[in-house]
Protein backbone atom coordinates (compact mmCIF):
# COMPACT_ATOMS: atom_id res chain seq x y z
CA MET A 1 -30.04 -14.48 19.47
CA LYS A 2 -30.41 -15.76 15.58
CA LEU A 3 -33.98 -16.44 15.00
CA LEU A 4 -35.18 -13.41 17.34
CA LYS A 5 -32.89 -11.16 14.83
CA VAL A 6 -34.65 -13.21 12.60
CA PHE A 7 -38.73 -12.36 13.85
CA LEU A 8 -37.60 -8.46 14.69
CA PHE A 9 -36.56 -8.38 10.69
CA CYS A 10 -39.97 -10.01 9.44
CA THR A 11 -41.79 -7.74 12.13
CA ILE A 12 -40.30 -4.68 10.43
CA CYS A 13 -40.70 -5.63 7.07
CA ILE A 14 -44.68 -6.62 7.88
CA SER A 15 -45.30 -3.73 9.37
CA TYR A 16 -43.75 -1.38 7.00
CA SER A 17 -45.52 -3.29 4.23
CA PHE A 18 -48.60 -2.76 6.49
CA ALA A 19 -48.09 1.14 6.86
CA GLN A 20 -47.62 0.83 3.04
CA GLN A 21 -50.88 -0.93 1.96
CA GLN A 22 -52.67 1.88 4.65
CA LYS A 23 -51.85 4.85 2.95
CA PRO A 24 -54.58 5.95 0.66
CA ASN A 25 -54.84 5.76 -3.08
CA ILE A 26 -54.93 8.72 -5.09
CA ILE A 27 -56.84 9.36 -7.88
CA PHE A 28 -57.08 12.92 -9.96
CA LEU A 29 -58.83 13.45 -12.70
CA LEU A 30 -58.26 16.42 -14.94
CA ALA A 31 -60.99 17.06 -17.74
CA ASP A 32 -59.93 18.91 -20.73
CA ASP A 33 -61.70 22.15 -21.48
CA LEU A 34 -64.89 20.78 -19.39
CA GLY A 35 -66.54 24.18 -18.32
CA ILE A 36 -67.84 24.09 -14.59
CA GLY A 37 -71.59 24.48 -16.61
CA ASP A 38 -71.19 21.13 -18.48
CA LEU A 39 -71.94 18.77 -15.79
CA GLY A 40 -75.59 18.52 -14.56
CA CYS A 41 -74.56 18.31 -10.65
CA TYR A 42 -73.90 22.38 -11.49
CA GLY A 43 -76.41 23.07 -13.47
CA GLN A 44 -76.39 21.50 -17.27
CA GLN A 45 -79.41 20.95 -18.69
CA LYS A 46 -78.69 19.38 -22.14
CA ILE A 47 -75.62 17.05 -21.79
CA LYS A 48 -75.97 13.69 -19.67
CA THR A 49 -73.82 13.12 -16.60
CA PRO A 50 -75.54 10.95 -14.36
CA ASN A 51 -72.62 9.20 -13.20
CA ILE A 52 -70.12 12.16 -12.73
CA ASP A 53 -73.60 13.48 -10.46
CA ALA A 54 -73.78 10.35 -8.73
CA LEU A 55 -70.16 11.17 -7.50
CA ALA A 56 -71.19 13.96 -6.43
CA LYS A 57 -74.06 12.42 -4.27
CA LYS A 58 -71.13 10.36 -2.98
CA GLY A 59 -69.21 12.95 -2.05
CA ILE A 60 -68.05 16.73 -1.59
CA ARG A 61 -68.64 18.98 -4.36
CA PHE A 62 -66.97 22.93 -4.24
CA THR A 63 -68.71 26.15 -5.66
CA GLN A 64 -65.29 28.11 -5.64
CA PHE A 65 -62.88 26.06 -6.84
CA TYR A 66 -59.98 27.81 -9.42
CA SER A 67 -57.62 26.02 -12.30
CA GLY A 68 -54.05 27.26 -12.17
CA SER A 69 -54.40 29.04 -15.49
CA THR A 70 -56.75 29.54 -18.42
CA VAL A 71 -55.12 27.13 -20.84
CA CYS A 72 -53.85 23.89 -20.22
CA GLY A 73 -49.87 23.95 -19.84
CA PRO A 74 -49.35 25.95 -16.99
CA CYS A 75 -52.39 24.55 -15.47
CA ARG A 76 -50.67 21.24 -15.19
CA SER A 77 -47.25 23.16 -14.06
CA SER A 78 -49.30 24.33 -11.21
CA PHE A 79 -50.49 20.91 -10.34
CA MET A 80 -47.48 19.51 -10.52
CA THR A 81 -45.26 22.08 -8.57
CA GLY A 82 -48.13 23.45 -6.07
CA LEU A 83 -47.32 27.03 -7.46
CA HIS A 84 -49.56 29.50 -9.08
CA THR A 85 -48.37 30.98 -12.19
CA GLY A 86 -46.63 33.49 -11.28
CA LYS A 87 -43.75 31.25 -9.62
CA THR A 88 -44.26 28.04 -11.64
CA PRO A 89 -41.71 26.78 -14.09
CA ILE A 90 -44.23 26.50 -17.17
CA ARG A 91 -46.34 29.18 -17.11
CA GLY A 92 -47.47 28.94 -21.38
CA ASN A 93 -48.21 26.86 -23.65
CA ARG A 94 -45.21 26.95 -26.05
CA GLY A 95 -43.90 24.11 -28.48
CA VAL A 96 -40.66 22.84 -29.36
CA ALA A 97 -39.13 20.89 -32.16
CA PRO A 98 -39.97 18.57 -33.67
CA GLU A 99 -42.77 17.59 -30.50
CA GLY A 100 -43.62 18.88 -27.34
CA GLN A 101 -43.77 21.75 -25.22
CA TYR A 102 -41.35 23.93 -22.99
CA PRO A 103 -39.81 20.77 -20.54
CA LEU A 104 -40.12 21.02 -16.82
CA PRO A 105 -36.84 21.75 -15.24
CA GLU A 106 -34.71 18.51 -14.55
CA ASN A 107 -34.89 19.53 -10.96
CA THR A 108 -38.57 20.25 -10.51
CA ARG A 109 -39.71 19.08 -7.00
CA THR A 110 -43.32 17.51 -8.31
CA ILE A 111 -46.17 16.51 -6.62
CA ALA A 112 -45.48 12.53 -8.44
CA LYS A 113 -41.31 12.48 -7.75
CA ILE A 114 -42.31 13.05 -3.80
CA LEU A 115 -44.98 10.96 -3.80
CA GLN A 116 -42.59 7.95 -5.66
CA GLN A 117 -40.19 8.70 -3.00
CA ASN A 118 -42.20 7.60 -0.66
CA GLY A 119 -43.30 4.41 -1.55
CA TYR A 120 -46.02 5.43 -4.01
CA GLU A 121 -46.43 3.76 -7.23
CA THR A 122 -47.08 6.35 -10.03
CA ALA A 123 -48.78 6.28 -13.38
CA ASP A 124 -50.40 9.36 -16.16
CA PHE A 125 -52.96 8.32 -18.48
CA GLY A 126 -53.85 10.87 -20.93
CA LYS A 127 -52.18 14.19 -21.93
CA TRP A 128 -48.83 15.34 -20.80
CA GLY A 129 -47.37 18.71 -22.69
CA LEU A 130 -44.82 19.49 -20.05
CA GLY A 131 -41.90 18.44 -22.33
CA GLY A 132 -40.89 16.79 -25.27
CA ILE A 133 -39.62 13.54 -25.67
CA GLY A 134 -35.70 13.30 -24.99
CA THR A 135 -35.83 16.16 -22.00
CA ASN A 136 -35.84 16.13 -18.86
CA GLY A 137 -39.76 17.08 -19.23
CA VAL A 138 -41.08 13.56 -19.65
CA PRO A 139 -43.19 12.05 -17.01
CA ASN A 140 -40.62 9.37 -16.37
CA LYS A 141 -38.20 11.60 -15.36
CA GLN A 142 -40.72 13.89 -13.24
CA GLY A 143 -42.15 11.37 -10.62
CA PHE A 144 -44.07 8.80 -12.76
CA ASP A 145 -43.37 5.04 -12.61
CA ILE A 146 -45.72 4.75 -16.24
CA PHE A 147 -47.07 7.35 -19.15
CA PHE A 148 -49.42 6.20 -21.56
CA GLY A 149 -51.07 8.56 -24.01
CA TYR A 150 -49.99 11.89 -25.66
CA ASN A 151 -46.75 13.61 -25.01
CA CYS A 152 -47.25 16.88 -27.33
CA GLN A 153 -50.91 18.69 -26.36
CA THR A 154 -51.12 20.02 -29.47
CA LEU A 155 -50.81 16.60 -31.58
CA ALA A 156 -53.67 15.81 -28.69
CA HIS A 157 -55.96 17.52 -30.86
CA ASN A 158 -56.42 14.60 -33.10
CA TYR A 159 -58.66 11.68 -31.37
CA TYR A 160 -57.28 9.37 -33.98
CA PRO A 161 -53.47 9.82 -34.38
CA GLU A 162 -51.17 7.82 -35.98
CA TYR A 163 -49.45 7.21 -32.41
CA LEU A 164 -49.31 7.44 -28.59
CA TRP A 165 -46.34 7.09 -25.98
CA SER A 166 -45.59 4.37 -23.21
CA ASN A 167 -43.33 6.16 -21.11
CA GLU A 168 -40.70 6.78 -23.58
CA THR A 169 -41.46 3.96 -26.46
CA LYS A 170 -43.45 5.46 -29.72
CA ILE A 171 -46.70 3.45 -29.89
CA ASN A 172 -47.91 2.87 -33.39
CA LEU A 173 -51.75 2.79 -34.29
CA PRO A 174 -53.74 1.95 -37.62
CA ASN A 175 -54.68 5.43 -39.83
CA GLN A 176 -57.04 3.21 -41.68
CA ILE A 177 -60.46 4.76 -41.43
CA LYS A 178 -61.76 1.44 -40.63
CA ASP A 179 -59.43 0.37 -38.10
CA SER A 180 -58.87 3.75 -36.33
CA ILE A 181 -58.38 3.82 -32.50
CA TYR A 182 -60.33 6.21 -30.95
CA SER A 183 -57.59 7.59 -28.42
CA ALA A 184 -59.75 8.34 -25.35
CA ASP A 185 -61.02 4.72 -25.72
CA LEU A 186 -57.56 3.33 -25.65
CA ILE A 187 -56.28 5.69 -23.12
CA GLN A 188 -58.98 4.31 -20.26
CA GLN A 189 -58.66 0.88 -21.65
CA LYS A 190 -55.13 1.65 -19.92
CA ALA A 191 -56.10 2.86 -17.08
CA ILE A 192 -58.64 0.34 -16.18
CA GLU A 193 -55.79 -1.85 -16.69
CA TYR A 194 -54.05 -0.24 -14.78
CA LEU A 195 -56.71 -0.08 -11.81
CA ASN A 196 -57.42 -4.03 -12.21
CA GLN A 197 -53.64 -4.92 -11.26
CA LYS A 198 -52.64 -5.96 -7.89
CA HIS A 199 -51.10 -3.25 -6.40
CA HIS A 200 -48.71 -4.36 -3.36
CA LYS A 201 -48.09 -0.21 -2.91
CA PRO A 202 -50.26 2.83 -2.92
CA PHE A 203 -50.56 4.46 -5.96
CA PHE A 204 -51.16 7.90 -7.37
CA LEU A 205 -53.25 8.37 -10.65
CA TYR A 206 -53.33 11.15 -12.62
CA LEU A 207 -56.18 10.79 -15.12
CA SER A 208 -55.00 13.89 -17.56
CA TYR A 209 -57.69 12.27 -20.26
CA THR A 210 -57.95 14.51 -23.32
CA LEU A 211 -62.28 14.43 -23.31
CA PRO A 212 -63.82 17.22 -24.44
CA HIS A 213 -60.67 19.32 -25.82
CA ALA A 214 -61.77 20.03 -30.09
CA GLY A 215 -61.22 18.91 -32.27
CA LEU A 216 -64.54 17.58 -32.34
CA ASN A 217 -64.39 13.97 -32.98
CA LEU A 218 -65.38 10.55 -31.58
CA PRO A 219 -67.17 7.36 -32.94
CA ARG A 220 -70.43 7.80 -34.54
CA ASP A 221 -72.36 5.77 -31.36
CA SER A 222 -75.97 6.19 -30.24
CA VAL A 223 -75.07 8.26 -27.90
CA TYR A 224 -73.76 10.58 -30.37
CA TRP A 225 -76.97 10.05 -33.16
CA ASN A 226 -79.20 10.58 -30.16
CA TYR A 227 -78.06 13.99 -29.22
CA VAL A 228 -77.96 14.75 -33.01
CA HIS A 229 -81.99 14.05 -32.70
CA GLN A 230 -82.18 15.34 -29.66
CA PHE A 231 -80.28 19.25 -30.97
CA ASN A 232 -82.29 18.97 -33.98
CA GLU A 233 -79.13 19.86 -35.59
CA PRO A 234 -79.14 21.14 -38.96
CA PRO A 235 -75.51 19.95 -40.90
CA LEU A 236 -72.63 22.46 -41.25
CA GLN A 237 -70.55 22.24 -44.46
CA PRO A 238 -67.20 22.22 -44.45
CA ASN A 239 -65.40 25.19 -45.41
CA PRO A 240 -61.85 24.92 -47.03
CA LYS A 241 -60.89 28.41 -46.17
CA LYS A 242 -61.21 27.78 -42.67
CA LYS A 243 -58.72 25.97 -40.63
CA GLN A 244 -59.66 23.17 -39.03
CA TYR A 245 -58.16 20.65 -36.26
CA GLU A 246 -56.34 17.77 -37.64
CA SER A 247 -58.94 15.71 -36.48
CA GLY A 248 -59.90 13.35 -39.09
CA PRO A 249 -63.29 13.74 -40.47
CA PHE A 250 -65.19 17.41 -40.96
CA GLU A 251 -67.69 17.30 -37.52
CA PRO A 252 -71.26 18.29 -39.36
CA TYR A 253 -73.14 18.35 -35.60
CA PRO A 254 -70.68 20.26 -33.31
CA HIS A 255 -73.12 20.64 -30.81
CA ALA A 256 -73.99 17.10 -30.83
CA ALA A 257 -70.09 15.97 -30.60
CA TYR A 258 -69.37 17.67 -28.15
CA ALA A 259 -71.92 16.76 -26.12
CA ALA A 260 -71.40 13.06 -26.88
CA MET A 261 -67.91 13.60 -25.84
CA VAL A 262 -68.90 15.25 -22.51
CA THR A 263 -70.91 11.60 -21.96
CA ARG A 264 -68.17 9.67 -23.11
CA LEU A 265 -66.00 11.12 -20.16
CA ASP A 266 -69.09 10.93 -18.29
CA GLU A 267 -68.78 6.97 -18.88
CA TYR A 268 -65.36 6.81 -18.09
CA VAL A 269 -65.97 7.85 -14.57
CA LYS A 270 -68.43 5.06 -14.20
CA GLN A 271 -66.32 2.43 -15.55
CA ILE A 272 -63.61 4.19 -12.89
CA MET A 273 -65.78 3.71 -9.81
CA HIS A 274 -66.29 0.31 -10.85
CA SER A 275 -63.29 -1.13 -11.14
CA LEU A 276 -62.43 0.61 -7.62
CA GLU A 277 -65.21 -1.42 -6.24
CA LYS A 278 -64.47 -4.76 -7.49
CA ASN A 279 -61.22 -4.65 -6.51
CA GLY A 280 -61.89 -3.19 -3.15
CA LEU A 281 -60.17 0.15 -3.48
CA ASP A 282 -62.76 2.61 -3.22
CA LYS A 283 -62.45 1.95 0.97
CA ASN A 284 -58.52 3.36 0.64
CA THR A 285 -58.98 5.94 -2.09
CA LEU A 286 -59.58 9.80 -2.75
CA PHE A 287 -60.91 10.13 -5.87
CA ILE A 288 -60.74 13.72 -7.14
CA PHE A 289 -62.80 15.33 -10.56
CA THR A 290 -61.75 18.65 -11.95
CA SER A 291 -60.90 20.12 -15.14
CA ASP A 292 -58.17 22.10 -16.58
CA ASN A 293 -59.14 25.66 -17.70
CA GLY A 294 -62.93 26.94 -18.92
CA PRO A 295 -64.97 25.92 -22.12
CA HIS A 296 -63.20 26.41 -25.80
CA ALA A 297 -64.88 28.02 -28.43
CA GLU A 298 -62.91 25.45 -30.59
CA GLY A 299 -63.21 23.06 -33.15
CA GLY A 300 -66.72 23.96 -33.87
CA ASN A 301 -67.88 24.03 -30.51
CA ASP A 302 -70.35 26.84 -28.94
CA PRO A 303 -70.24 27.02 -25.16
CA GLU A 304 -73.15 29.35 -25.19
CA PHE A 305 -75.61 26.99 -26.65
CA PHE A 306 -74.50 24.76 -23.34
CA ASN A 307 -73.75 27.81 -21.28
CA SER A 308 -70.53 25.73 -20.29
CA ASN A 309 -69.28 28.25 -17.93
CA ALA A 310 -72.65 28.80 -16.48
CA ILE A 311 -72.90 32.47 -14.87
CA TYR A 312 -70.04 33.28 -15.27
CA LYS A 313 -68.04 36.00 -17.69
CA GLY A 314 -65.86 34.21 -19.53
CA LYS A 315 -64.42 31.28 -21.17
CA LYS A 316 -60.46 29.48 -21.90
CA ARG A 317 -57.84 31.91 -22.34
CA ASP A 318 -59.61 34.73 -19.96
CA LEU A 319 -58.88 35.26 -16.65
CA TYR A 320 -62.49 36.09 -15.57
CA GLU A 321 -64.38 33.39 -13.61
CA GLY A 322 -65.68 31.55 -16.75
CA GLY A 323 -61.91 30.73 -17.68
CA ILE A 324 -60.80 29.63 -14.84
CA ARG A 325 -63.71 29.11 -12.47
CA MET A 326 -63.66 24.96 -12.13
CA PRO A 327 -65.94 21.75 -11.16
CA PHE A 328 -64.52 20.46 -8.26
CA ILE A 329 -65.83 17.16 -7.01
CA ALA A 330 -64.25 14.59 -4.14
CA THR A 331 -65.20 11.27 -2.68
CA TYR A 332 -63.07 9.08 -0.13
CA LYS A 333 -65.64 6.53 1.59
CA GLY A 334 -65.67 6.90 5.27
CA LYS A 335 -64.14 10.00 5.53
CA ILE A 336 -65.89 12.87 3.16
CA LYS A 337 -69.01 13.17 4.34
CA PRO A 338 -71.75 12.40 0.76
CA ASN A 339 -73.82 14.60 -0.40
CA THR A 340 -72.02 18.10 0.26
CA THR A 341 -71.44 21.45 -0.92
CA SER A 342 -67.80 23.57 0.08
CA ASN A 343 -67.76 27.39 -0.15
CA GLN A 344 -63.91 27.16 0.04
CA ILE A 345 -61.53 29.28 -2.03
CA ALA A 346 -59.30 26.67 -3.31
CA ALA A 347 -56.96 26.04 -6.17
CA ILE A 348 -55.31 23.53 -8.09
CA TRP A 349 -52.25 24.24 -6.66
CA ASP A 350 -53.71 23.14 -3.05
CA MET A 351 -53.71 19.74 -4.21
CA PHE A 352 -49.94 19.53 -3.47
CA PRO A 353 -49.79 20.19 -0.14
CA THR A 354 -53.50 18.00 0.42
CA PHE A 355 -51.87 14.80 -0.98
CA LEU A 356 -49.04 14.93 1.13
CA GLU A 357 -50.60 15.47 3.88
CA LEU A 358 -53.02 12.43 3.07
CA ALA A 359 -49.71 10.42 3.03
CA ASN A 360 -47.76 11.77 5.82
CA VAL A 361 -45.26 13.14 3.95
CA LYS A 362 -43.39 15.83 5.31
CA TYR A 363 -42.26 18.99 2.87
CA LYS A 364 -40.49 22.18 3.79
CA ASP A 365 -40.36 23.91 0.66
CA SER A 366 -42.05 26.82 0.32
CA ILE A 367 -45.35 26.21 -2.17
CA ASP A 368 -48.25 28.54 -2.89
CA GLY A 369 -50.65 25.85 -2.07
CA VAL A 370 -52.53 24.91 1.30
CA SER A 371 -53.81 21.47 2.64
CA LEU A 372 -57.09 20.86 1.76
CA LEU A 373 -58.32 18.02 4.32
CA PRO A 374 -59.75 19.86 7.24
CA THR A 375 -62.82 20.68 4.63
CA LEU A 376 -62.73 17.71 2.52
CA TYR A 377 -62.87 15.64 6.14
CA GLY A 378 -65.54 18.43 7.27
CA LYS A 379 -63.11 20.35 9.79
CA LYS A 380 -63.37 23.71 11.15
CA ALA A 381 -59.32 24.15 11.06
CA GLN A 382 -58.81 24.89 7.48
CA LYS A 383 -56.19 27.27 6.73
CA GLN A 384 -56.94 30.14 4.36
CA HIS A 385 -55.59 31.41 1.71
CA LYS A 386 -54.66 35.40 1.68
CA TYR A 387 -55.16 35.60 -1.83
CA LEU A 388 -55.15 33.79 -5.16
CA TYR A 389 -53.19 35.21 -8.41
CA TRP A 390 -52.96 33.74 -11.90
CA GLU A 391 -51.28 34.94 -15.11
CA PHE A 392 -51.85 34.29 -18.86
CA HIS A 393 -49.07 35.43 -21.68
CA GLU A 394 -51.10 35.18 -24.37
CA GLU A 395 -53.12 38.04 -25.95
CA SER A 396 -51.05 41.20 -24.59
CA GLY A 397 -50.50 39.46 -21.09
CA LYS A 398 -53.30 39.62 -18.32
CA GLN A 399 -53.37 39.02 -14.81
CA ALA A 400 -55.72 38.36 -12.12
CA VAL A 401 -56.06 38.26 -8.37
CA ARG A 402 -58.65 37.05 -5.98
CA TRP A 403 -59.04 38.42 -2.01
CA GLY A 404 -61.82 37.74 -0.58
CA ASN A 405 -64.65 38.30 -1.96
CA TRP A 406 -62.72 41.09 -4.32
CA LYS A 407 -61.79 40.14 -7.98
CA ALA A 408 -59.17 42.12 -9.50
CA VAL A 409 -57.89 41.83 -13.68
CA GLN A 410 -55.73 43.42 -15.54
CA LEU A 411 -55.27 43.03 -19.07
CA ASN A 412 -52.38 43.96 -21.69
CA VAL A 413 -50.17 43.74 -19.34
CA SER A 414 -47.46 43.07 -22.19
CA THR A 415 -47.99 45.61 -23.53
CA LYS A 416 -45.96 49.84 -23.01
CA THR A 417 -49.56 50.98 -21.70
CA PRO A 418 -51.56 48.11 -19.62
CA SER A 419 -55.00 48.56 -18.91
CA ALA A 420 -56.61 49.81 -15.82
CA ILE A 421 -56.91 47.37 -13.25
CA GLU A 422 -61.05 46.34 -12.96
CA LEU A 423 -62.51 45.50 -9.91
CA TYR A 424 -65.56 43.08 -9.25
CA ASN A 425 -66.93 42.12 -6.17
CA LEU A 426 -67.98 38.58 -6.54
CA ALA A 427 -70.37 38.16 -3.23
CA ILE A 428 -73.03 40.58 -4.91
CA ASP A 429 -71.29 40.33 -8.57
CA PRO A 430 -69.97 36.51 -9.45
CA SER A 431 -70.53 36.93 -12.97
CA GLU A 432 -68.21 40.41 -13.10
CA GLN A 433 -70.28 42.80 -14.83
CA ASN A 434 -70.29 45.46 -13.10
CA ASN A 435 -66.41 46.69 -13.10
CA VAL A 436 -66.69 48.45 -9.61
CA ALA A 437 -62.87 50.20 -9.40
CA ASN A 438 -63.23 53.85 -9.70
CA ALA A 439 -65.70 53.46 -6.45
CA ASN A 440 -62.81 51.70 -4.62
CA PRO A 441 -59.12 53.32 -4.71
CA LEU A 442 -57.91 52.00 -1.88
CA ILE A 443 -59.15 48.27 -2.69
CA ILE A 444 -57.26 48.54 -6.44
CA LYS A 445 -54.49 49.73 -4.64
CA LYS A 446 -54.03 46.67 -2.33
CA MET A 447 -55.13 44.17 -5.40
CA ALA A 448 -52.32 46.56 -7.69
CA ALA A 449 -49.75 44.91 -4.58
CA PHE A 450 -51.05 42.02 -4.45
CA ILE A 451 -49.81 41.37 -8.43
CA LEU A 452 -46.45 42.90 -7.86
CA GLN A 453 -45.49 40.19 -5.00
CA ALA A 454 -46.99 37.60 -6.46
CA HIS A 455 -45.19 37.75 -10.16
CA THR A 456 -41.94 36.69 -10.05
CA GLU A 457 -39.70 37.39 -12.97
CA ASN A 458 -38.58 34.11 -15.26
CA LYS A 459 -36.64 34.95 -18.51
CA ASP A 460 -37.84 32.05 -19.75
CA TRP A 461 -41.43 33.38 -19.51
CA PRO A 462 -41.47 37.34 -19.78
CA LEU A 463 -44.74 38.55 -18.83
CA LEU A 464 -44.17 42.36 -18.53
CA TYR A 465 -43.57 44.81 -21.18
CA ASN A 466 -40.33 45.83 -18.98
CA GLU A 467 -39.34 42.50 -18.99
CA ARG A 468 -39.91 41.61 -22.40
CA ASN A 469 -38.13 44.60 -23.81
CA LYS A 470 -34.61 43.83 -21.40
């Protein structure tokens, strides 16, 4: 009888271990301020991205994938919670002293927490921006076993920082010019080290990289100088009256710097794929590449030069398509058909239910996302969104909603006199050049109802005029 009990116990342990190993690994790479038009596989002509382009050929490329917001913090909050910006806890980039941003509440149900509670190792390498050190918002209190990088997104403007964070421990870095460490390279190094470790459980790896966010700065390597020559760019002269990011040396060749930063990110993707293949992880890993919002025009960057927003109107801080329509590429060997393209309308808050279904984890709480596994696997039973919604709390307040092919945008919603709702038919006008609101009063009425329904009042994030003046 004793031997039988031992045998049964060992069988259960082995079965549990096998089940854990069979659950797929999940890697989610979120680039920073990378426009949909910055990649070769989305039409880029000047910047070289061969590895990301090859990634697209290995998997599926979405053409109608949307960010959670048009700036960093709320997009990340939307990703972590599966809620759009009308409901997610963090709805803007509000800094707090002495360092960091407004924190996620302690009881937030993040995707990392749920995966962690269901047998996953969890790690984040990059930029956090959802709660300063010592608050309930730090990564280790929001579901991550390991964090390395910038806690504060404001400090992440500087690629040669005096320190980074390893969990809640400050890691001081050399700040002498000859010894300076490029933070993006160090963060990538730590991520590769993580992939090369022995993993006894499936892992969720969140790569919240900083490239190619401003300030524009990177090592002056051969890639950088090749772009300088390619663009024949006349050097800029420092303007002492113009505010610069705390980005170290003045950047005289911003076009070359931005292109080289995107190509550096592309090289990181190559290194990640190599590590997956070397360690036999590519056979059981979903790898997703996307960006947090549209291209920036900060720190000397020039998105028009690169056509970074492709055919779309707007950039970072806009709720037009150029500010929120993102590149999205997913690979999963043997599960996702190579070299496919999808027109499925989707958003970053869909990652929450997608990852949970992939991990076979049940979740009953109300969220805004829908699982994209049917689309990723080439199935037809894909649940569709009724509509997508966004709100932005800067620049006098903005709201937007997409319903089928209709897109509505309303500006100045935080003022006493909000602008009239604009309306675009994306099927025939994806660049949002023709406002057809006057010709479609019934559609405007429908969109206004969606906007009213989607926005939930939050005392910490008042958006509408009446909320701000209570």
